[in-house]
């Protein structure tokens, strides 16, 4: 009974159900575990929005850092003709990482907007406009 009152912050709670069967004169005890999904409580949209904003800034930082590294490698390729091919390859990889970081930041911005819209809908402030 104490296990049923425990409310943890986990996705799955394990409850122990015991079954006893008597077969062939000897008692055998079988233990099975039942996974129960915890109920979802009210979502803190402000906290989620701040978290997504933080992730967006990390994506921006990644894009800037990779872009600067790409420029550095481009400069190295011009100054070091002996290893120019290697520096050009590293420049292209850094440029691809910069594009990926920018895409990640844009994705997080859209996620933040969706969280803000969900918060408005949860508060009942947003009115739905139908075209027809």
Protein backbone atom coordinates (compact mmCIF):
# COMPACT_ATOMS: atom_id res chain seq x y z
CA UNK A 1 0.00 0.00 0.00
CA UNK A 2 2.94 2.32 0.62
CA UNK A 3 4.06 1.76 -2.97
CA UNK A 4 0.73 2.99 -4.30
CA UNK A 5 0.93 6.27 -2.35
CA UNK A 6 4.42 7.07 -3.65
CA UNK A 7 4.28 9.75 -6.35
CA UNK A 8 7.62 10.02 -8.09
CA UNK A 9 8.73 12.10 -11.01
CA UNK A 10 9.33 9.15 -13.29
CA UNK A 11 7.62 8.23 -16.51
CA UNK A 12 6.97 4.67 -15.44
CA UNK A 13 6.09 3.39 -11.99
CA UNK A 14 6.55 -0.29 -11.32
CA UNK A 15 3.88 -1.98 -9.28
CA UNK A 16 4.42 -5.47 -8.01
CA UNK A 17 1.55 -7.92 -8.42
CA UNK A 18 1.95 -11.35 -6.88
CA UNK A 19 0.18 -14.43 -8.11
CA UNK A 20 0.18 -17.66 -6.17
CA UNK A 21 -0.72 -20.94 -7.81
CA UNK A 22 -0.75 -24.42 -6.34
CA UNK A 23 0.27 -27.06 -8.84
CA UNK A 24 1.27 -30.63 -8.06
CA UNK A 25 1.32 -30.29 -4.30
CA UNK A 26 4.13 -27.70 -4.21
CA UNK A 27 3.40 -24.01 -3.89
CA UNK A 28 4.92 -21.84 -6.62
CA UNK A 29 4.94 -18.09 -6.45
CA UNK A 30 5.15 -15.97 -9.57
CA UNK A 31 5.95 -12.28 -9.49
CA UNK A 32 5.00 -10.05 -12.39
CA UNK A 33 5.68 -6.37 -12.83
CA UNK A 34 3.11 -4.02 -14.27
CA UNK A 35 4.26 -0.68 -15.67
CA UNK A 36 1.85 2.20 -15.18
CA UNK A 37 2.26 5.50 -16.98
CA UNK A 38 2.18 8.45 -14.60
CA UNK A 39 -0.37 11.15 -15.20
CA UNK A 40 0.77 14.31 -16.91
CA UNK A 41 0.36 17.40 -14.81
CA UNK A 42 0.03 21.00 -15.87
CA UNK A 43 2.91 22.00 -18.15
CA UNK A 44 4.99 25.02 -17.14
CA UNK A 45 5.06 26.84 -20.48
CA UNK A 46 7.20 29.71 -19.18
CA UNK A 47 9.93 27.31 -18.08
CA UNK A 48 9.71 25.44 -21.39
CA UNK A 49 9.96 28.71 -23.30
CA UNK A 50 13.09 29.74 -21.37
CA UNK A 51 14.62 26.32 -21.99
CA UNK A 52 13.95 26.55 -25.73
CA UNK A 53 15.35 30.10 -25.82
CA UNK A 54 18.52 28.80 -24.17
CA UNK A 55 18.80 26.02 -26.76
CA UNK A 56 18.23 28.58 -29.54
CA UNK A 57 21.13 30.67 -28.23
CA UNK A 58 23.32 27.57 -28.15
CA UNK A 59 22.46 26.95 -31.81
CA UNK A 60 23.38 30.55 -32.65
CA UNK A 61 26.65 30.17 -30.78
CA UNK A 62 27.41 26.94 -32.65
CA UNK A 63 26.77 28.63 -35.99
CA UNK A 64 29.03 31.57 -35.14
CA UNK A 65 31.85 29.38 -33.81
CA UNK A 66 31.77 27.04 -36.81
CA UNK A 67 31.66 30.02 -39.19
CA UNK A 68 34.70 31.55 -37.55
CA UNK A 69 36.55 28.25 -37.74
CA UNK A 70 35.68 28.00 -41.44
CA UNK A 71 37.13 31.47 -42.02
CA UNK A 72 40.23 30.48 -40.06
CA UNK A 73 40.71 27.38 -42.22
CA UNK A 74 40.21 29.43 -45.39
CA UNK A 75 42.98 31.74 -44.22
CA UNK A 76 45.21 28.75 -43.40
CA UNK A 77 44.62 27.29 -46.87
CA UNK A 78 45.84 30.51 -48.46
CA UNK A 79 48.90 30.77 -46.18
CA UNK A 80 49.93 27.09 -46.22
CA UNK A 81 49.92 25.85 -49.85
CA UNK A 82 51.54 22.56 -48.86
CA UNK A 83 48.48 21.52 -46.80
CA UNK A 84 45.89 23.59 -48.68
CA UNK A 85 43.74 20.60 -49.61
CA UNK A 86 43.39 19.54 -45.98
CA UNK A 87 42.48 23.07 -44.90
CA UNK A 88 39.85 23.35 -47.65
CA UNK A 89 38.23 20.11 -46.52
CA UNK A 90 38.20 21.32 -42.91
CA UNK A 91 36.74 24.64 -44.10
CA UNK A 92 33.89 22.85 -45.88
CA UNK A 93 33.16 20.70 -42.82
CA UNK A 94 33.11 23.79 -40.60
CA UNK A 95 30.81 25.58 -43.05
CA UNK A 96 28.42 22.60 -42.98
CA UNK A 97 28.47 22.66 -39.17
CA UNK A 98 27.67 26.39 -39.25
CA UNK A 99 24.67 25.75 -41.48
CA UNK A 100 23.56 22.95 -39.15
CA UNK A 101 23.87 25.21 -36.12
CA UNK A 102 21.80 27.89 -37.82
CA UNK A 103 19.16 25.33 -38.74
CA UNK A 104 19.06 24.06 -35.17
CA UNK A 105 18.63 27.62 -33.84
CA UNK A 106 15.79 28.23 -36.31
CA UNK A 107 14.13 24.96 -35.28
CA UNK A 108 14.31 25.94 -31.61
CA UNK A 109 12.82 29.35 -32.40
CA UNK A 110 9.81 27.66 -34.02
CA UNK A 111 9.48 25.32 -31.04
CA UNK A 112 9.51 28.35 -28.72
CA UNK A 113 6.74 30.00 -30.75
CA UNK A 114 4.66 26.83 -30.60
CA UNK A 115 5.13 26.65 -26.83
CA UNK A 116 4.00 30.26 -26.53
CA UNK A 117 0.89 29.54 -28.61
CA UNK A 118 0.13 26.46 -26.49
CA UNK A 119 0.43 28.60 -23.37
CA UNK A 120 -2.08 31.08 -24.77
CA UNK A 121 -4.47 28.27 -25.68
CA UNK A 122 -4.11 26.72 -22.23
CA UNK A 123 -4.97 30.04 -20.60
CA UNK A 124 -7.94 30.47 -22.94
CA UNK A 125 -6.69 33.78 -24.29
CA UNK A 126 -6.27 32.75 -27.89
CA UNK A 127 -9.30 32.94 -30.11
CA UNK A 128 -9.54 30.60 -33.04
CA UNK A 129 -10.26 32.33 -36.32
CA UNK A 130 -11.96 30.15 -38.88
CA UNK A 131 -12.03 31.08 -42.52
CA UNK A 132 -15.36 29.42 -43.25
